[in-house]
Amino acid sequence: MTDAIASHADGRTGSGRQAYVFDAYGTLFDVHAAVRRHAAAIGPDAQALSDLWRVKQLEYTWVTSLMGQYRDFRALTEDALDFCLARFPGVDKGLRVDLLDAYRKLDCFAEVPDVLAALRETGARIAILSNGTPAMLDEAVDAAGIGHLIDEIFSVDPLKIYKTAPAAYALVTSSLRVSAPDIAFQSSNRWDIAGAKAFGMTCHWINRSGAPDEYVEFPPDKVLSSLSGLVEVPA
């Protein structure tokens, strides 16, 4: 990898990785935070509902992309929740609005601000690449108070296709004008790591749950238990 010397208007300079690009949901933001806030009202099915909500949300992105169709991520998130509320009829349907509102303002993981600040000090550009709509991502970043640590936010929404389509990862390289190997891509989603690796990026799988490996033909360059490990990974 070629070292890059970066210079920024705010005075940051440094050498090393040219850009650190993060998936948003599950990587920077805790996708289970929305249900957790209302767990008492939901009852004993809270965790199962949260898990299924995430599964169906992702399933809908893949199915619509394979069909050559597109509904934005906010709509698919709503569709997935509606399925879950039907699947768990004992859960109060009146919580729908509260759950969707909570999803707009998910908690970021505790280490996120410090890690982003440390990486930014190296002179690297910090970006998000997400299936989320621009409005969703702006809301999440603002709610987490990390906007000052992010240089760019890339949404697949203008492409009308979801990750792991190569066009999603190409959005980053073409916009930042950085070659794929000079980008460190971080995701907690193993399928996302496979997509970025196939595209040629340097990949760090944030395996928070200790899940077994898969997509072995597209291995991550590093496996970390949290984003904190990034500050220990050589550029």
C-alpha atoms as a PDB file:
ATOM      1  CA  MET A   1       0.000   0.000   0.000  1.00  0.00           C
ATOM      2  CA  THR A   2       1.214   3.500  -0.796  1.00  0.00           C
ATOM      3  CA  ASP A   3       1.382   5.838   2.161  1.00  0.00           C
ATOM      4  CA  ALA A   4      -0.563   9.044   1.671  1.00  0.00           C
ATOM      5  CA  ILE A   5       0.245  12.458   3.071  1.00  0.00           C
ATOM      6  CA  ALA A   6      -3.000  14.215   3.844  1.00  0.00           C
ATOM      7  CA  SER A   7      -3.465  17.900   4.515  1.00  0.00           C
ATOM      8  CA  HIS A   8      -6.725  19.389   5.735  1.00  0.00           C
ATOM      9  CA  ALA A   9      -8.192  22.813   6.191  1.00  0.00           C
ATOM     10  CA  ASP A  10      -8.433  22.195   9.933  1.00  0.00           C
ATOM     11  CA  GLY A  11      -4.704  21.588  10.193  1.00  0.00           C
ATOM     12  CA  ARG A  12      -4.674  17.792  10.328  1.00  0.00           C
ATOM     13  CA  THR A  13      -1.711  16.194   8.610  1.00  0.00           C
ATOM     14  CA  GLY A  14      -0.399  12.685   8.666  1.00  0.00           C
ATOM     15  CA  SER A  15       0.657   9.613   6.783  1.00  0.00           C
ATOM     16  CA  GLY A  16      -0.950   6.204   6.503  1.00  0.00           C
ATOM     17  CA  ARG A  17      -4.313   4.924   5.322  1.00  0.00           C
ATOM     18  CA  GLN A  18      -5.961   7.447   3.008  1.00  0.00           C
ATOM     19  CA  ALA A  19      -9.512   6.814   4.171  1.00  0.00           C
ATOM     20  CA  TYR A  20     -11.443   4.887   6.785  1.00  0.00           C
ATOM     21  CA  VAL A  21     -14.942   4.073   5.585  1.00  0.00           C
ATOM     22  CA  PHE A  22     -17.557   2.726   7.982  1.00  0.00           C
ATOM     23  CA  ASP A  23     -20.807   0.920   7.511  1.00  0.00           C
ATOM     24  CA  ALA A  24     -23.432   2.657   9.637  1.00  0.00           C
ATOM     25  CA  TYR A  25     -26.042   0.250  10.979  1.00  0.00           C
ATOM     26  CA  GLY A  26     -24.566  -2.342  13.308  1.00  0.00           C
ATOM     27  CA  THR A  27     -21.074  -0.883  12.972  1.00  0.00           C
ATOM     28  CA  LEU A  28     -21.319   2.709  14.191  1.00  0.00           C
ATOM     29  CA  PHE A  29     -24.930   2.553  15.383  1.00  0.00           C
ATOM     30  CA  ASP A  30     -26.518  -0.131  17.547  1.00  0.00           C
ATOM     31  CA  VAL A  31     -29.491  -1.433  15.542  1.00  0.00           C
ATOM     32  CA  HIS A  32     -30.993  -3.021  18.649  1.00  0.00           C
ATOM     33  CA  ALA A  33     -31.101   0.242  20.594  1.00  0.00           C
ATOM     34  CA  ALA A  34     -34.553   1.145  19.252  1.00  0.00           C
ATOM     35  CA  VAL A  35     -36.239  -1.958  20.645  1.00  0.00           C
ATOM     36  CA  ARG A  36     -34.180  -1.841  23.828  1.00  0.00           C
ATOM     37  CA  ARG A  37     -35.605   1.594  24.654  1.00  0.00           C
ATOM     38  CA  HIS A  38     -39.117   0.138  24.556  1.00  0.00           C
ATOM     39  CA  ALA A  39     -38.351  -3.370  25.797  1.00  0.00           C
ATOM     40  CA  ALA A  40     -40.552  -3.062  28.878  1.00  0.00           C
ATOM     41  CA  ALA A  41     -43.573  -2.104  26.776  1.00  0.00           C
ATOM     42  CA  ILE A  42     -42.865  -4.800  24.185  1.00  0.00           C
ATOM     43  CA  GLY A  43     -42.531  -7.568  26.726  1.00  0.00           C
ATOM     44  CA  PRO A  44     -40.779 -10.953  26.524  1.00  0.00           C
ATOM     45  CA  ASP A  45     -40.598 -10.934  22.729  1.00  0.00           C
ATOM     46  CA  ALA A  46     -38.464  -7.783  22.619  1.00  0.00           C
ATOM     47  CA  GLN A  47     -35.143  -9.370  21.670  1.00  0.00           C
ATOM     48  CA  ALA A  48     -36.711 -11.792  19.205  1.00  0.00           C
ATOM     49  CA  LEU A  49     -38.567  -8.914  17.561  1.00  0.00           C
ATOM     50  CA  SER A  50     -35.393  -6.845  17.325  1.00  0.00           C
ATOM     51  CA  ASP A  51     -33.440  -9.721  15.798  1.00  0.00           C
ATOM     52  CA  LEU A  52     -36.154 -10.469  13.246  1.00  0.00           C
ATOM     53  CA  TRP A  53     -36.572  -6.788  12.373  1.00  0.00           C
ATOM     54  CA  ARG A  54     -32.918  -6.650  11.365  1.00  0.00           C
ATOM     55  CA  VAL A  55     -33.079  -9.941   9.450  1.00  0.00           C
ATOM     56  CA  LYS A  56     -36.120  -8.888   7.420  1.00  0.00           C
ATOM     57  CA  GLN A  57     -34.750  -5.387   6.801  1.00  0.00           C
ATOM     58  CA  LEU A  58     -31.614  -6.842   5.209  1.00  0.00           C
ATOM     59  CA  GLU A  59     -33.537  -9.567   3.389  1.00  0.00           C
ATOM     60  CA  TYR A  60     -35.690  -6.937   1.707  1.00  0.00           C
ATOM     61  CA  THR A  61     -32.614  -5.058   0.451  1.00  0.00           C
ATOM     62  CA  TRP A  62     -31.223  -8.173  -1.197  1.00  0.00           C
ATOM     63  CA  VAL A  63     -34.541  -9.320  -2.674  1.00  0.00           C
ATOM     64  CA  THR A  64     -35.397  -5.944  -4.192  1.00  0.00           C
ATOM     65  CA  SER A  65     -31.872  -5.536  -5.585  1.00  0.00           C
ATOM     66  CA  LEU A  66     -31.934  -8.985  -7.204  1.00  0.00           C
ATOM     67  CA  MET A  67     -35.301  -8.169  -8.777  1.00  0.00           C
ATOM     68  CA  GLY A  68     -33.913  -4.942 -10.197  1.00  0.00           C
ATOM     69  CA  GLN A  69     -36.408  -3.005  -8.080  1.00  0.00           C
ATOM     70  CA  TYR A  70     -35.844  -0.361  -5.411  1.00  0.00           C
ATOM     71  CA  ARG A  71     -37.563   0.913  -2.297  1.00  0.00           C
ATOM     72  CA  ASP A  72     -35.545   3.163  -0.062  1.00  0.00           C
ATOM     73  CA  PHE A  73     -34.124   1.957   3.228  1.00  0.00           C
ATOM     74  CA  ARG A  74     -36.584   3.888   5.355  1.00  0.00           C
ATOM     75  CA  ALA A  75     -39.497   2.196   3.578  1.00  0.00           C
ATOM     76  CA  LEU A  76     -37.902  -1.243   3.893  1.00  0.00           C
ATOM     77  CA  THR A  77     -37.234  -0.630   7.587  1.00  0.00           C
ATOM     78  CA  GLU A  78     -40.916   0.192   8.050  1.00  0.00           C
ATOM     79  CA  ASP A  79     -41.977  -2.862   6.022  1.00  0.00           C
ATOM     80  CA  ALA A  80     -39.729  -5.084   8.124  1.00  0.00           C
ATOM     81  CA  LEU A  81     -41.179  -3.734  11.364  1.00  0.00           C
ATOM     82  CA  ASP A  82     -44.724  -4.262  10.094  1.00  0.00           C
ATOM     83  CA  PHE A  83     -43.876  -7.904   9.393  1.00  0.00           C
ATOM     84  CA  CYS A  84     -42.465  -8.285  12.905  1.00  0.00           C
ATOM     85  CA  LEU A  85     -45.530  -6.766  14.533  1.00  0.00           C
ATOM     86  CA  ALA A  86     -47.651  -9.259  12.596  1.00  0.00           C
ATOM     87  CA  ARG A  87     -45.311 -12.096  13.569  1.00  0.00           C
ATOM     88  CA  PHE A  88     -45.582 -11.167  17.259  1.00  0.00           C
ATOM     89  CA  PRO A  89     -49.299 -10.386  17.670  1.00  0.00           C
ATOM     90  CA  GLY A  90     -48.938  -9.928  21.414  1.00  0.00           C
ATOM     91  CA  VAL A  91     -46.877  -6.772  20.910  1.00  0.00           C
ATOM     92  CA  ASP A  92     -48.840  -3.520  20.994  1.00  0.00           C
ATOM     93  CA  LYS A  93     -49.125  -2.207  17.416  1.00  0.00           C
ATOM     94  CA  GLY A  94     -49.291   1.270  18.886  1.00  0.00           C
ATOM     95  CA  LEU A  95     -45.550   1.065  19.502  1.00  0.00           C
ATOM     96  CA  ARG A  96     -44.857   1.243  15.771  1.00  0.00           C
ATOM     97  CA  VAL A  97     -44.427   5.021  15.687  1.00  0.00           C
ATOM     98  CA  ASP A  98     -42.236   5.027  18.793  1.00  0.00           C
ATOM     99  CA  LEU A  99     -40.009   2.251  17.443  1.00  0.00           C
ATOM    100  CA  LEU A 100     -39.532   3.944  14.095  1.00  0.00           C
ATOM    101  CA  ASP A 101     -38.758   7.229  15.823  1.00  0.00           C
ATOM    102  CA  ALA A 102     -36.197   5.473  18.012  1.00  0.00           C
ATOM    103  CA  TYR A 103     -34.617   3.899  14.931  1.00  0.00           C
ATOM    104  CA  ARG A 104     -34.012   7.368  13.534  1.00  0.00           C
ATOM    105  CA  LYS A 105     -31.914   8.200  16.601  1.00  0.00           C
ATOM    106  CA  LEU A 106     -29.998   5.029  17.388  1.00  0.00           C
ATOM    107  CA  ASP A 107     -27.246   5.038  19.992  1.00  0.00           C
ATOM    108  CA  CYS A 108     -23.740   4.809  18.631  1.00  0.00           C
ATOM    109  CA  PHE A 109     -21.467   2.236  20.227  1.00  0.00           C
ATOM    110  CA  ALA A 110     -19.531   3.634  23.177  1.00  0.00           C
ATOM    111  CA  GLU A 111     -16.110   3.560  21.527  1.00  0.00           C
ATOM    112  CA  VAL A 112     -17.166   5.307  18.314  1.00  0.00           C
ATOM    113  CA  PRO A 113     -16.380   8.979  19.148  1.00  0.00           C
ATOM    114  CA  ASP A 114     -12.906   8.276  20.514  1.00  0.00           C
ATOM    115  CA  VAL A 115     -11.982   5.923  17.670  1.00  0.00           C
ATOM    116  CA  LEU A 116     -13.133   8.331  14.964  1.00  0.00           C
ATOM    117  CA  ALA A 117     -11.265  11.188  16.622  1.00  0.00           C
ATOM    118  CA  ALA A 118      -8.061   9.142  16.847  1.00  0.00           C
ATOM    119  CA  LEU A 119      -8.246   8.029  13.217  1.00  0.00           C
ATOM    120  CA  ARG A 120      -8.998  11.543  12.073  1.00  0.00           C
ATOM    121  CA  GLU A 121      -5.841  12.761  13.788  1.00  0.00           C
ATOM    122  CA  THR A 122      -3.797  10.533  11.456  1.00  0.00           C
ATOM    123  CA  GLY A 123      -4.894  12.710   8.550  1.00  0.00           C
ATOM    124  CA  ALA A 124      -7.106  10.042   7.015  1.00  0.00           C
ATOM    125  CA  ARG A 125     -10.522  10.947   5.695  1.00  0.00           C
ATOM    126  CA  ILE A 126     -13.424   9.461   7.633  1.00  0.00           C
ATOM    127  CA  ALA A 127     -16.554   8.439   5.762  1.00  0.00           C
ATOM    128  CA  ILE A 128     -19.735   6.419   6.055  1.00  0.00           C
ATOM    129  CA  LEU A 129     -21.050   4.112   3.328  1.00  0.00           C
ATOM    130  CA  SER A 130     -24.547   2.895   4.076  1.00  0.00           C
ATOM    131  CA  ASN A 131     -27.777   1.531   2.686  1.00  0.00           C
ATOM    132  CA  GLY A 132     -29.550   4.224   4.696  1.00  0.00           C
ATOM    133  CA  THR A 133     -31.121   7.196   2.979  1.00  0.00           C
ATOM    134  CA  PRO A 134     -29.293  10.529   3.238  1.00  0.00           C
ATOM    135  CA  ALA A 135     -31.949  11.821   5.636  1.00  0.00           C
ATOM    136  CA  MET A 136     -31.704   8.729   7.853  1.00  0.00           C
ATOM    137  CA  LEU A 137     -27.932   8.989   8.024  1.00  0.00           C
ATOM    138  CA  ASP A 138     -27.976  12.707   8.768  1.00  0.00           C
ATOM    139  CA  GLU A 139     -30.449  12.117  11.603  1.00  0.00           C
ATOM    140  CA  ALA A 140     -28.417   9.258  13.065  1.00  0.00           C
ATOM    141  CA  VAL A 141     -25.127  11.140  12.898  1.00  0.00           C
ATOM    142  CA  ASP A 142     -26.659  14.260  14.438  1.00  0.00           C
ATOM    143  CA  ALA A 143     -28.357  12.294  17.214  1.00  0.00           C
ATOM    144  CA  ALA A 144     -25.076  10.573  18.078  1.00  0.00           C
ATOM    145  CA  GLY A 145     -23.189  13.873  18.071  1.00  0.00           C
ATOM    146  CA  ILE A 146     -20.444  12.621  15.739  1.00  0.00           C
ATOM    147  CA  GLY A 147     -20.975  14.893  12.757  1.00  0.00           C
ATOM    148  CA  HIS A 148     -17.764  16.813  13.432  1.00  0.00           C
ATOM    149  CA  LEU A 149     -15.808  13.560  13.130  1.00  0.00           C
ATOM    150  CA  ILE A 150     -17.186  12.550   9.717  1.00  0.00           C
ATOM    151  CA  ASP A 151     -15.835  14.004   6.478  1.00  0.00           C
ATOM    152  CA  GLU A 152     -18.221  12.352   4.025  1.00  0.00           C
ATOM    153  CA  ILE A 153     -21.480  10.402   4.144  1.00  0.00           C
ATOM    154  CA  PHE A 154     -22.232   8.157   1.179  1.00  0.00           C
ATOM    155  CA  SER A 155     -25.686   6.653   0.697  1.00  0.00           C
ATOM    156  CA  VAL A 156     -26.518   4.047  -1.943  1.00  0.00           C
ATOM    157  CA  ASP A 157     -29.871   5.782  -2.430  1.00  0.00           C
ATOM    158  CA  PRO A 158     -28.862   7.649  -5.630  1.00  0.00           C
ATOM    159  CA  LEU A 159     -27.711   4.336  -7.126  1.00  0.00           C
ATOM    160  CA  LYS A 160     -31.051   2.623  -6.439  1.00  0.00           C
ATOM    161  CA  ILE A 161     -29.299  -0.617  -5.508  1.00  0.00           C
ATOM    162  CA  TYR A 162     -28.052  -1.953  -2.208  1.00  0.00           C
ATOM    163  CA  LYS A 163     -24.785  -3.371  -0.941  1.00  0.00           C
ATOM    164  CA  THR A 164     -23.176  -5.758  -1.883  1.00  0.00           C
ATOM    165  CA  ALA A 165     -23.497  -4.434  -5.446  1.00  0.00           C
ATOM    166  CA  PRO A 166     -20.023  -3.351  -6.635  1.00  0.00           C
ATOM    167  CA  ALA A 167     -21.480   0.033  -7.588  1.00  0.00           C
ATOM    168  CA  ALA A 168     -22.021   0.772  -3.891  1.00  0.00           C
ATOM    169  CA  TYR A 169     -18.326   0.444  -3.077  1.00  0.00           C
ATOM    170  CA  ALA A 170     -17.331   2.210  -6.298  1.00  0.00           C
ATOM    171  CA  LEU A 171     -19.275   5.217  -5.038  1.00  0.00           C
ATOM    172  CA  VAL A 172     -16.581   5.671  -2.395  1.00  0.00           C
ATOM    173  CA  THR A 173     -13.521   5.215  -4.597  1.00  0.00           C
ATOM    174  CA  SER A 174     -14.847   7.492  -7.328  1.00  0.00           C
ATOM    175  CA  SER A 175     -15.959  10.213  -4.920  1.00  0.00           C
ATOM    176  CA  LEU A 176     -12.845  10.177  -2.741  1.00  0.00           C
ATOM    177  CA  ARG A 177     -10.535   9.466  -5.690  1.00  0.00           C
ATOM    178  CA  VAL A 178      -8.755   6.831  -3.657  1.00  0.00           C
ATOM    179  CA  SER A 179      -7.890   3.344  -4.882  1.00  0.00           C
ATOM    180  CA  ALA A 180      -9.736   0.470  -3.231  1.00  0.00           C
ATOM    181  CA  PRO A 181      -6.694  -1.033  -1.413  1.00  0.00           C
ATOM    182  CA  ASP A 182      -5.958   2.355   0.184  1.00  0.00           C
ATOM    183  CA  ILE A 183      -9.387   2.380   1.822  1.00  0.00           C
ATOM    184  CA  ALA A 184      -9.920   0.632   5.147  1.00  0.00           C
ATOM    185  CA  PHE A 185     -13.524  -0.535   5.213  1.00  0.00           C
ATOM    186  CA  GLN A 186     -15.142  -1.441   8.537  1.00  0.00           C
ATOM    187  CA  SER A 187     -18.374  -3.358   8.967  1.00  0.00           C
ATOM    188  CA  SER A 188     -19.950  -5.603  11.563  1.00  0.00           C
ATOM    189  CA  ASN A 189     -21.797  -7.374   8.746  1.00  0.00           C
ATOM    190  CA  ARG A 190     -19.793 -10.262   7.328  1.00  0.00           C
ATOM    191  CA  TRP A 191     -21.669 -10.123   4.012  1.00  0.00           C
ATOM    192  CA  ASP A 192     -20.705  -6.446   3.703  1.00  0.00           C
ATOM    193  CA  ILE A 193     -17.064  -7.293   4.353  1.00  0.00           C
ATOM    194  CA  ALA A 194     -17.280  -9.910   1.593  1.00  0.00           C
ATOM    195  CA  GLY A 195     -18.653  -7.311  -0.822  1.00  0.00           C
ATOM    196  CA  ALA A 196     -15.985  -4.746  -0.004  1.00  0.00           C
ATOM    197  CA  LYS A 197     -13.225  -7.358  -0.149  1.00  0.00           C
ATOM    198  CA  ALA A 198     -14.412  -8.558  -3.557  1.00  0.00           C
ATOM    199  CA  PHE A 199     -14.203  -4.937  -4.681  1.00  0.00           C
ATOM    200  CA  GLY A 200     -10.599  -4.766  -3.477  1.00  0.00           C
ATOM    201  CA  MET A 201     -10.812  -2.772  -0.263  1.00  0.00           C
ATOM    202  CA  THR A 202      -8.802  -3.482   2.884  1.00  0.00           C
ATOM    203  CA  CYS A 203     -11.404  -4.883   5.257  1.00  0.00           C
ATOM    204  CA  HIS A 204     -11.810  -5.005   9.026  1.00  0.00           C
ATOM    205  CA  TRP A 205     -14.664  -7.186  10.236  1.00  0.00           C
ATOM    206  CA  ILE A 206     -16.031  -5.858  13.524  1.00  0.00           C
ATOM    207  CA  ASN A 207     -17.260  -9.163  14.916  1.00  0.00           C
ATOM    208  CA  ARG A 208     -18.998  -7.886  18.034  1.00  0.00           C
ATOM    209  CA  SER A 209     -20.959 -11.096  18.624  1.00  0.00           C
ATOM    210  CA  GLY A 210     -18.153 -13.598  18.084  1.00  0.00           C
ATOM    211  CA  ALA A 211     -19.942 -15.105  15.082  1.00  0.00           C
ATOM    212  CA  PRO A 212     -18.270 -17.892  13.085  1.00  0.00           C
ATOM    213  CA  ASP A 213     -16.642 -16.919   9.821  1.00  0.00           C
ATOM    214  CA  GLU A 214     -18.327 -17.313   6.433  1.00  0.00           C
ATOM    215  CA  TYR A 215     -17.766 -16.160   2.844  1.00  0.00           C
ATOM    216  CA  VAL A 216     -14.313 -17.661   3.279  1.00  0.00           C
ATOM    217  CA  GLU A 217     -13.305 -16.876  -0.299  1.00  0.00           C
ATOM    218  CA  PHE A 218     -13.451 -13.181   0.662  1.00  0.00           C
ATOM    219  CA  PRO A 219     -11.590 -13.058   3.998  1.00  0.00           C
ATOM    220  CA  PRO A 220     -11.259  -9.905   6.091  1.00  0.00           C
ATOM    221  CA  ASP A 221      -7.785  -8.484   6.558  1.00  0.00           C
ATOM    222  CA  LYS A 222      -8.422  -8.205  10.290  1.00  0.00           C
ATOM    223  CA  VAL A 223     -11.112  -9.432  12.668  1.00  0.00           C
ATOM    224  CA  LEU A 224     -11.766  -7.123  15.623  1.00  0.00           C
ATOM    225  CA  SER A 225     -14.174  -7.435  18.534  1.00  0.00           C
ATOM    226  CA  SER A 226     -14.899  -3.700  18.503  1.00  0.00           C
ATOM    227  CA  LEU A 227     -13.849  -0.570  16.669  1.00  0.00           C
ATOM    228  CA  SER A 228     -11.339   0.144  19.428  1.00  0.00           C
ATOM    229  CA  GLY A 229      -9.012  -2.346  17.786  1.00  0.00           C
ATOM    230  CA  LEU A 230      -8.635  -0.009  14.815  1.00  0.00           C
ATOM    231  CA  VAL A 231      -6.300   2.297  16.674  1.00  0.00           C
ATOM    232  CA  GLU A 232      -3.988  -0.678  17.156  1.00  0.00           C
ATOM    233  CA  VAL A 233      -4.077  -1.823  13.497  1.00  0.00           C
ATOM    234  CA  PRO A 234      -1.025  -0.601  11.562  1.00  0.00           C
ATOM    235  CA  ALA A 235      -1.930   1.751   8.707  1.00  0.00           C
END
